[in-house]
Amino acid sequence: MQDRNLYFEKKKELKFFIHSLTTLYEMNDNQTSPYTFFLAENIKKRQNYIFEDFLVILKSNSFIMIYNLVESTIKNSVIYMYDEINKHNIRYLDARDEIKRIWFNYHFKDNVSSVDKLKTVSQVLIDEIISEKDIFLDFEQFKLSGNADWRVIKKAMSEHGMIVNSDKTNPHASSMRTVKDKRNSLAHGSESFIDSAKDFSERDIQRIAQDTFTLLEYVMDEVDKYIEKEKYKI
């Protein structure tokens, strides 16, 4: 079973951030509070912004934090899965078709434009299969950066031979797409932090984070079952 300590540490950190955000919103709703007055007045007199602008910036930042959790969790799950498969010294003939296809594609990752190169690569493949060389899965060939929403993650799971339960996952999928889109808009500068989350309430952020937790924990559970039951074999 994979180590989930980093995931739970990041999850706890994110929940603390969202709780603090909710607390600030509750404080802002109480206009008679001296703390609200102090924060609002100090923010306004030092900058050309108001306290509500600061809260929107915090909400936008939550998308960055949630996306960071998504990418790190999926990458760590794949690293664990590949390490376990490599550790068990699987021959090409013993691997399930999806794993064979992944390994096969490593040899053709560069454009094989000439007949001579195609012959060379094909001969290497044939030699490795005949000699019963172990399959080696390389995490560096797994591409995810900047595109980790549920559609991409689901596709990656299917490409490894995992069956995804759509009834469990589909209700949460749109939240992860929102996280990816908002993160990319912020990272690429097409949206400002003060605008990106202005149409999202703190309750929306809580829901999106919870949907993301649900999907990530589903992935980790499925990866654990995949390894434990040796589903990478035929």
C-alpha atoms as a PDB file:
ATOM      1  CA  MET A   1       0.000   0.000   0.000  1.00  0.00           C
ATOM      2  CA  GLN A   2       1.322   3.410  -0.930  1.00  0.00           C
ATOM      3  CA  ASP A   3       2.408   5.936   1.681  1.00  0.00           C
ATOM      4  CA  ARG A   4      -0.316   8.592   2.008  1.00  0.00           C
ATOM      5  CA  ASN A   5       1.368  10.747   4.641  1.00  0.00           C
ATOM      6  CA  LEU A   6       2.231  13.549   2.207  1.00  0.00           C
ATOM      7  CA  TYR A   7      -1.319  13.528   0.832  1.00  0.00           C
ATOM      8  CA  PHE A   8      -2.887  13.805   4.287  1.00  0.00           C
ATOM      9  CA  GLU A   9      -0.411  16.523   5.276  1.00  0.00           C
ATOM     10  CA  LYS A  10      -1.317  18.590   2.200  1.00  0.00           C
ATOM     11  CA  LYS A  11      -5.032  17.872   2.709  1.00  0.00           C
ATOM     12  CA  LYS A  12      -4.831  19.066   6.317  1.00  0.00           C
ATOM     13  CA  GLU A  13      -2.998  22.211   5.227  1.00  0.00           C
ATOM     14  CA  LEU A  14      -5.617  22.934   2.581  1.00  0.00           C
ATOM     15  CA  LYS A  15      -8.524  22.369   4.973  1.00  0.00           C
ATOM     16  CA  PHE A  16      -6.884  24.741   7.444  1.00  0.00           C
ATOM     17  CA  PHE A  17      -6.568  27.382   4.717  1.00  0.00           C
ATOM     18  CA  ILE A  18     -10.227  27.014   3.706  1.00  0.00           C
ATOM     19  CA  HIS A  19     -11.357  27.071   7.341  1.00  0.00           C
ATOM     20  CA  SER A  20      -9.400  30.289   7.847  1.00  0.00           C
ATOM     21  CA  LEU A  21     -10.971  31.737   4.708  1.00  0.00           C
ATOM     22  CA  THR A  22     -14.451  30.865   5.993  1.00  0.00           C
ATOM     23  CA  THR A  23     -13.614  32.469   9.354  1.00  0.00           C
ATOM     24  CA  LEU A  24     -12.576  35.682   7.599  1.00  0.00           C
ATOM     25  CA  TYR A  25     -15.833  35.715   5.638  1.00  0.00           C
ATOM     26  CA  GLU A  26     -17.806  35.260   8.846  1.00  0.00           C
ATOM     27  CA  MET A  27     -15.830  38.106  10.384  1.00  0.00           C
ATOM     28  CA  ASN A  28     -16.551  40.290   7.365  1.00  0.00           C
ATOM     29  CA  ASP A  29     -20.276  39.585   7.711  1.00  0.00           C
ATOM     30  CA  ASN A  30     -20.141  40.936  11.260  1.00  0.00           C
ATOM     31  CA  GLN A  31     -19.577  44.603  10.566  1.00  0.00           C
ATOM     32  CA  THR A  32     -19.869  45.497  14.253  1.00  0.00           C
ATOM     33  CA  SER A  33     -16.770  43.484  15.131  1.00  0.00           C
ATOM     34  CA  PRO A  34     -13.731  45.633  16.030  1.00  0.00           C
ATOM     35  CA  TYR A  35     -11.524  43.054  14.254  1.00  0.00           C
ATOM     36  CA  THR A  36     -13.439  43.496  11.023  1.00  0.00           C
ATOM     37  CA  PHE A  37     -13.166  47.264  11.295  1.00  0.00           C
ATOM     38  CA  PHE A  38      -9.419  47.081  12.029  1.00  0.00           C
ATOM     39  CA  LEU A  39      -8.680  44.807   9.035  1.00  0.00           C
ATOM     40  CA  ALA A  40     -10.930  46.681   6.623  1.00  0.00           C
ATOM     41  CA  GLU A  41      -9.595  50.102   7.557  1.00  0.00           C
ATOM     42  CA  ASN A  42      -5.941  49.087   7.463  1.00  0.00           C
ATOM     43  CA  ILE A  43      -6.247  47.345   4.090  1.00  0.00           C
ATOM     44  CA  LYS A  44      -8.165  50.257   2.581  1.00  0.00           C
ATOM     45  CA  LYS A  45      -5.842  53.022   3.754  1.00  0.00           C
ATOM     46  CA  ARG A  46      -2.663  51.263   2.677  1.00  0.00           C
ATOM     47  CA  GLN A  47      -3.798  50.073  -0.757  1.00  0.00           C
ATOM     48  CA  ASN A  48      -6.401  50.837  -3.407  1.00  0.00           C
ATOM     49  CA  TYR A  49      -8.323  47.723  -2.446  1.00  0.00           C
ATOM     50  CA  ILE A  50     -10.935  46.767   0.109  1.00  0.00           C
ATOM     51  CA  PHE A  51     -11.162  43.803   2.491  1.00  0.00           C
ATOM     52  CA  GLU A  52     -13.485  41.913   0.113  1.00  0.00           C
ATOM     53  CA  ASP A  53     -10.799  42.083  -2.595  1.00  0.00           C
ATOM     54  CA  PHE A  54      -8.362  40.412  -0.210  1.00  0.00           C
ATOM     55  CA  LEU A  55     -10.883  37.603   0.375  1.00  0.00           C
ATOM     56  CA  VAL A  56     -11.246  37.031  -3.384  1.00  0.00           C
ATOM     57  CA  ILE A  57      -7.461  36.804  -3.727  1.00  0.00           C
ATOM     58  CA  LEU A  58      -7.436  34.140  -1.011  1.00  0.00           C
ATOM     59  CA  LYS A  59     -10.166  32.182  -2.820  1.00  0.00           C
ATOM     60  CA  SER A  60      -8.174  32.344  -6.057  1.00  0.00           C
ATOM     61  CA  ASN A  61      -5.108  31.080  -4.223  1.00  0.00           C
ATOM     62  CA  SER A  62      -7.118  28.077  -3.046  1.00  0.00           C
ATOM     63  CA  PHE A  63      -7.311  26.865  -6.665  1.00  0.00           C
ATOM     64  CA  ILE A  64      -3.509  26.850  -6.836  1.00  0.00           C
ATOM     65  CA  MET A  65      -3.311  24.865  -3.604  1.00  0.00           C
ATOM     66  CA  ILE A  66      -5.947  22.349  -4.684  1.00  0.00           C
ATOM     67  CA  TYR A  67      -4.278  21.828  -8.053  1.00  0.00           C
ATOM     68  CA  ASN A  68      -0.916  21.312  -6.354  1.00  0.00           C
ATOM     69  CA  LEU A  69      -2.524  18.553  -4.288  1.00  0.00           C
ATOM     70  CA  VAL A  70      -3.958  16.934  -7.433  1.00  0.00           C
ATOM     71  CA  GLU A  71      -0.660  16.848  -9.340  1.00  0.00           C
ATOM     72  CA  SER A  72       1.472  15.702  -6.424  1.00  0.00           C
ATOM     73  CA  THR A  73      -0.986  12.958  -5.450  1.00  0.00           C
ATOM     74  CA  ILE A  74      -1.345  11.559  -8.971  1.00  0.00           C
ATOM     75  CA  LYS A  75       2.406  11.689  -9.607  1.00  0.00           C
ATOM     76  CA  ASN A  76       3.162   9.935  -6.336  1.00  0.00           C
ATOM     77  CA  SER A  77       0.567   7.255  -7.086  1.00  0.00           C
ATOM     78  CA  VAL A  78       2.110   6.584 -10.503  1.00  0.00           C
ATOM     79  CA  ILE A  79       5.635   6.496  -9.054  1.00  0.00           C
ATOM     80  CA  TYR A  80       4.465   3.962  -6.467  1.00  0.00           C
ATOM     81  CA  MET A  81       2.690   1.868  -9.109  1.00  0.00           C
ATOM     82  CA  TYR A  82       5.681   1.834 -11.480  1.00  0.00           C
ATOM     83  CA  ASP A  83       8.135   1.056  -8.676  1.00  0.00           C
ATOM     84  CA  GLU A  84       6.045  -1.910  -7.571  1.00  0.00           C
ATOM     85  CA  ILE A  85       5.658  -3.263 -11.113  1.00  0.00           C
ATOM     86  CA  ASN A  86       9.386  -2.879 -11.816  1.00  0.00           C
ATOM     87  CA  LYS A  87      10.219  -4.532  -8.502  1.00  0.00           C
ATOM     88  CA  HIS A  88       8.340  -7.696  -9.534  1.00  0.00           C
ATOM     89  CA  ASN A  89      10.373  -8.247 -12.734  1.00  0.00           C
ATOM     90  CA  ILE A  90       7.496  -8.711 -15.173  1.00  0.00           C
ATOM     91  CA  ARG A  91       8.293 -10.195 -18.580  1.00  0.00           C
ATOM     92  CA  TYR A  92       6.609  -8.770 -21.667  1.00  0.00           C
ATOM     93  CA  LEU A  93       4.618 -11.976 -22.209  1.00  0.00           C
ATOM     94  CA  ASP A  94       3.307 -11.886 -18.627  1.00  0.00           C
ATOM     95  CA  ALA A  95       2.115  -8.275 -18.712  1.00  0.00           C
ATOM     96  CA  ARG A  96      -1.446  -7.253 -19.479  1.00  0.00           C
ATOM     97  CA  ASP A  97      -2.044  -5.659 -22.873  1.00  0.00           C
ATOM     98  CA  GLU A  98      -2.218  -2.090 -21.559  1.00  0.00           C
ATOM     99  CA  ILE A  99       1.182  -2.408 -19.863  1.00  0.00           C
ATOM    100  CA  LYS A 100       2.648  -3.971 -22.993  1.00  0.00           C
ATOM    101  CA  ARG A 101       1.344  -1.014 -24.983  1.00  0.00           C
ATOM    102  CA  ILE A 102       2.920   1.516 -22.608  1.00  0.00           C
ATOM    103  CA  TRP A 103       6.273  -0.255 -22.748  1.00  0.00           C
ATOM    104  CA  PHE A 104       6.006  -0.649 -26.525  1.00  0.00           C
ATOM    105  CA  ASN A 105       5.334   3.070 -26.964  1.00  0.00           C
ATOM    106  CA  TYR A 106       8.552   3.953 -25.098  1.00  0.00           C
ATOM    107  CA  HIS A 107      10.512   2.615 -28.049  1.00  0.00           C
ATOM    108  CA  PHE A 108       8.568   4.770 -30.508  1.00  0.00           C
ATOM    109  CA  LYS A 109       8.320   7.936 -28.431  1.00  0.00           C
ATOM    110  CA  ASP A 110      10.484   9.729 -30.996  1.00  0.00           C
ATOM    111  CA  ASN A 111       9.266  10.041 -34.532  1.00  0.00           C
ATOM    112  CA  VAL A 112      10.545   7.008 -36.462  1.00  0.00           C
ATOM    113  CA  SER A 113      10.817   8.764 -39.795  1.00  0.00           C
ATOM    114  CA  SER A 114      13.170   6.501 -41.719  1.00  0.00           C
ATOM    115  CA  VAL A 115      12.910   2.849 -42.710  1.00  0.00           C
ATOM    116  CA  ASP A 116      16.345   2.129 -41.225  1.00  0.00           C
ATOM    117  CA  LYS A 117      15.391   3.601 -37.884  1.00  0.00           C
ATOM    118  CA  LEU A 118      12.120   1.679 -37.876  1.00  0.00           C
ATOM    119  CA  LYS A 119      14.032  -1.550 -38.542  1.00  0.00           C
ATOM    120  CA  THR A 120      16.478  -0.804 -35.737  1.00  0.00           C
ATOM    121  CA  VAL A 121      13.764  -0.038 -33.182  1.00  0.00           C
ATOM    122  CA  SER A 122      11.742  -3.076 -34.243  1.00  0.00           C
ATOM    123  CA  GLN A 123      14.783  -5.336 -33.899  1.00  0.00           C
ATOM    124  CA  VAL A 124      15.437  -4.039 -30.393  1.00  0.00           C
ATOM    125  CA  LEU A 125      11.833  -4.784 -29.458  1.00  0.00           C
ATOM    126  CA  ILE A 126      11.989  -8.294 -30.888  1.00  0.00           C
ATOM    127  CA  ASP A 127      15.291  -9.027 -29.140  1.00  0.00           C
ATOM    128  CA  GLU A 128      13.975  -7.840 -25.779  1.00  0.00           C
ATOM    129  CA  ILE A 129      10.804  -9.922 -26.090  1.00  0.00           C
ATOM    130  CA  ILE A 130      12.612 -13.086 -27.241  1.00  0.00           C
ATOM    131  CA  SER A 131      15.256 -12.762 -24.517  1.00  0.00           C
ATOM    132  CA  GLU A 132      12.423 -12.394 -21.974  1.00  0.00           C
ATOM    133  CA  LYS A 133      13.813  -9.126 -20.717  1.00  0.00           C
ATOM    134  CA  ASP A 134      11.835  -7.569 -17.869  1.00  0.00           C
ATOM    135  CA  ILE A 135       9.528  -4.692 -18.654  1.00  0.00           C
ATOM    136  CA  PHE A 136      10.638  -1.403 -17.119  1.00  0.00           C
ATOM    137  CA  LEU A 137       8.111   1.409 -16.662  1.00  0.00           C
ATOM    138  CA  ASP A 138       9.654   4.872 -16.591  1.00  0.00           C
ATOM    139  CA  PHE A 139       7.812   7.568 -14.624  1.00  0.00           C
ATOM    140  CA  GLU A 140       9.633  10.269 -16.594  1.00  0.00           C
ATOM    141  CA  GLN A 141       7.592   9.187 -19.627  1.00  0.00           C
ATOM    142  CA  PHE A 142       4.321   9.854 -17.768  1.00  0.00           C
ATOM    143  CA  LYS A 143       3.092  13.297 -18.820  1.00  0.00           C
ATOM    144  CA  LEU A 144       0.684  15.238 -16.627  1.00  0.00           C
ATOM    145  CA  SER A 145       1.998  18.738 -15.915  1.00  0.00           C
ATOM    146  CA  GLY A 146      -0.640  21.459 -16.173  1.00  0.00           C
ATOM    147  CA  ASN A 147      -3.412  19.192 -17.437  1.00  0.00           C
ATOM    148  CA  ALA A 148      -4.510  17.181 -14.411  1.00  0.00           C
ATOM    149  CA  ASP A 149      -8.295  17.155 -14.476  1.00  0.00           C
ATOM    150  CA  TRP A 150     -10.541  14.113 -14.088  1.00  0.00           C
ATOM    151  CA  ARG A 151     -10.771  13.470 -17.848  1.00  0.00           C
ATOM    152  CA  VAL A 152      -6.974  13.167 -18.102  1.00  0.00           C
ATOM    153  CA  ILE A 153      -6.651  11.125 -14.909  1.00  0.00           C
ATOM    154  CA  LYS A 154      -9.454   8.755 -15.931  1.00  0.00           C
ATOM    155  CA  LYS A 155      -7.811   8.253 -19.328  1.00  0.00           C
ATOM    156  CA  ALA A 156      -4.468   7.470 -17.659  1.00  0.00           C
ATOM    157  CA  MET A 157      -6.128   4.919 -15.383  1.00  0.00           C
ATOM    158  CA  SER A 158      -7.803   3.225 -18.362  1.00  0.00           C
ATOM    159  CA  GLU A 159      -4.495   3.154 -20.249  1.00  0.00           C
ATOM    160  CA  HIS A 160      -3.062   1.081 -17.383  1.00  0.00           C
ATOM    161  CA  GLY A 161      -5.993  -1.330 -17.385  1.00  0.00           C
ATOM    162  CA  MET A 162      -7.997   0.090 -14.496  1.00  0.00           C
ATOM    163  CA  ILE A 163     -11.790   0.173 -14.690  1.00  0.00           C
ATOM    164  CA  VAL A 164     -13.203   3.455 -13.408  1.00  0.00           C
ATOM    165  CA  ASN A 165     -16.564   3.473 -11.628  1.00  0.00           C
ATOM    166  CA  SER A 166     -18.316   6.411 -13.286  1.00  0.00           C
ATOM    167  CA  ASP A 167     -21.209   6.355 -10.824  1.00  0.00           C
ATOM    168  CA  LYS A 168     -18.744   7.106  -8.024  1.00  0.00           C
ATOM    169  CA  THR A 169     -16.584   9.618  -9.855  1.00  0.00           C
ATOM    170  CA  ASN A 170     -18.717  11.566 -12.360  1.00  0.00           C
ATOM    171  CA  PRO A 171     -20.605  13.627  -9.736  1.00  0.00           C
ATOM    172  CA  HIS A 172     -17.273  15.158  -8.635  1.00  0.00           C
ATOM    173  CA  ALA A 173     -15.534  15.500 -12.002  1.00  0.00           C
ATOM    174  CA  SER A 174     -16.580  19.066 -12.883  1.00  0.00           C
ATOM    175  CA  SER A 175     -14.913  20.420  -9.731  1.00  0.00           C
ATOM    176  CA  MET A 176     -11.538  19.077 -10.785  1.00  0.00           C
ATOM    177  CA  ARG A 177     -11.984  20.617 -14.243  1.00  0.00           C
ATOM    178  CA  THR A 178     -12.716  23.965 -12.603  1.00  0.00           C
ATOM    179  CA  VAL A 179      -9.564  23.665 -10.505  1.00  0.00           C
ATOM    180  CA  LYS A 180      -7.417  22.901 -13.548  1.00  0.00           C
ATOM    181  CA  ASP A 181      -8.888  25.728 -15.649  1.00  0.00           C
ATOM    182  CA  LYS A 182      -8.583  28.288 -12.870  1.00  0.00           C
ATOM    183  CA  ARG A 183      -5.064  27.211 -11.985  1.00  0.00           C
ATOM    184  CA  ASN A 184      -3.952  27.484 -15.609  1.00  0.00           C
ATOM    185  CA  SER A 185      -5.604  30.884 -16.054  1.00  0.00           C
ATOM    186  CA  LEU A 186      -3.777  32.171 -12.985  1.00  0.00           C
ATOM    187  CA  ALA A 187      -0.460  30.515 -13.841  1.00  0.00           C
ATOM    188  CA  HIS A 188      -0.496  31.846 -17.417  1.00  0.00           C
ATOM    189  CA  GLY A 189      -1.654  35.322 -16.403  1.00  0.00           C
ATOM    190  CA  SER A 190      -4.912  35.354 -18.359  1.00  0.00           C
ATOM    191  CA  GLU A 191      -6.820  36.069 -15.139  1.00  0.00           C
ATOM    192  CA  SER A 192      -5.822  38.108 -12.100  1.00  0.00           C
ATOM    193  CA  PHE A 193      -6.117  36.781  -8.558  1.00  0.00           C
ATOM    194  CA  ILE A 194      -8.549  39.552  -7.740  1.00  0.00           C
ATOM    195  CA  ASP A 195     -10.915  38.496 -10.529  1.00  0.00           C
ATOM    196  CA  SER A 196     -10.505  34.746 -10.893  1.00  0.00           C
ATOM    197  CA  ALA A 197     -12.607  33.629  -7.927  1.00  0.00           C
ATOM    198  CA  LYS A 198     -14.994  36.571  -7.581  1.00  0.00           C
ATOM    199  CA  ASP A 199     -17.975  34.439  -8.669  1.00  0.00           C
ATOM    200  CA  PHE A 200     -17.189  31.651  -6.188  1.00  0.00           C
ATOM    201  CA  SER A 201     -18.390  31.667  -2.609  1.00  0.00           C
ATOM    202  CA  GLU A 202     -16.380  30.164   0.221  1.00  0.00           C
ATOM    203  CA  ARG A 203     -18.937  27.322   0.225  1.00  0.00           C
ATOM    204  CA  ASP A 204     -18.105  26.702  -3.447  1.00  0.00           C
ATOM    205  CA  ILE A 205     -14.435  26.407  -2.522  1.00  0.00           C
ATOM    206  CA  GLN A 206     -15.278  23.939   0.260  1.00  0.00           C
ATOM    207  CA  ARG A 207     -17.357  21.819  -2.151  1.00  0.00           C
ATOM    208  CA  ILE A 208     -14.693  21.860  -4.867  1.00  0.00           C
ATOM    209  CA  ALA A 209     -12.006  20.840  -2.372  1.00  0.00           C
ATOM    210  CA  GLN A 210     -14.151  18.002  -1.003  1.00  0.00           C
ATOM    211  CA  ASP A 211     -14.918  16.731  -4.520  1.00  0.00           C
ATOM    212  CA  THR A 212     -11.186  16.740  -5.219  1.00  0.00           C
ATOM    213  CA  PHE A 213     -10.421  14.802  -2.016  1.00  0.00           C
ATOM    214  CA  THR A 214     -13.033  12.218  -2.997  1.00  0.00           C
ATOM    215  CA  LEU A 215     -11.541  11.679  -6.457  1.00  0.00           C
ATOM    216  CA  LEU A 216      -7.927  11.556  -5.290  1.00  0.00           C
ATOM    217  CA  GLU A 217      -8.704   9.048  -2.561  1.00  0.00           C
ATOM    218  CA  TYR A 218     -10.603   6.959  -5.109  1.00  0.00           C
ATOM    219  CA  VAL A 219      -7.505   6.927  -7.353  1.00  0.00           C
ATOM    220  CA  MET A 220      -5.203   5.930  -4.498  1.00  0.00           C
ATOM    221  CA  ASP A 221      -7.577   3.135  -3.467  1.00  0.00           C
ATOM    222  CA  GLU A 222      -7.727   1.818  -7.035  1.00  0.00           C
ATOM    223  CA  VAL A 223      -3.936   1.935  -7.433  1.00  0.00           C
ATOM    224  CA  ASP A 224      -3.527   0.012  -4.177  1.00  0.00           C
ATOM    225  CA  LYS A 225      -5.979  -2.674  -5.359  1.00  0.00           C
ATOM    226  CA  TYR A 226      -4.298  -2.789  -8.780  1.00  0.00           C
ATOM    227  CA  ILE A 227      -0.917  -3.539  -7.177  1.00  0.00           C
ATOM    228  CA  GLU A 228      -2.190  -5.813  -4.413  1.00  0.00           C
ATOM    229  CA  LYS A 229      -4.121  -8.016  -6.872  1.00  0.00           C
ATOM    230  CA  GLU A 230      -1.346  -7.828  -9.510  1.00  0.00           C
ATOM    231  CA  LYS A 231      -3.724  -6.573 -12.153  1.00  0.00           C
ATOM    232  CA  TYR A 232      -0.764  -5.485 -14.252  1.00  0.00           C
ATOM    233  CA  LYS A 233      -0.344  -9.153 -15.211  1.00  0.00           C
ATOM    234  CA  ILE A 234      -2.404 -11.195 -17.660  1.00  0.00           C
END
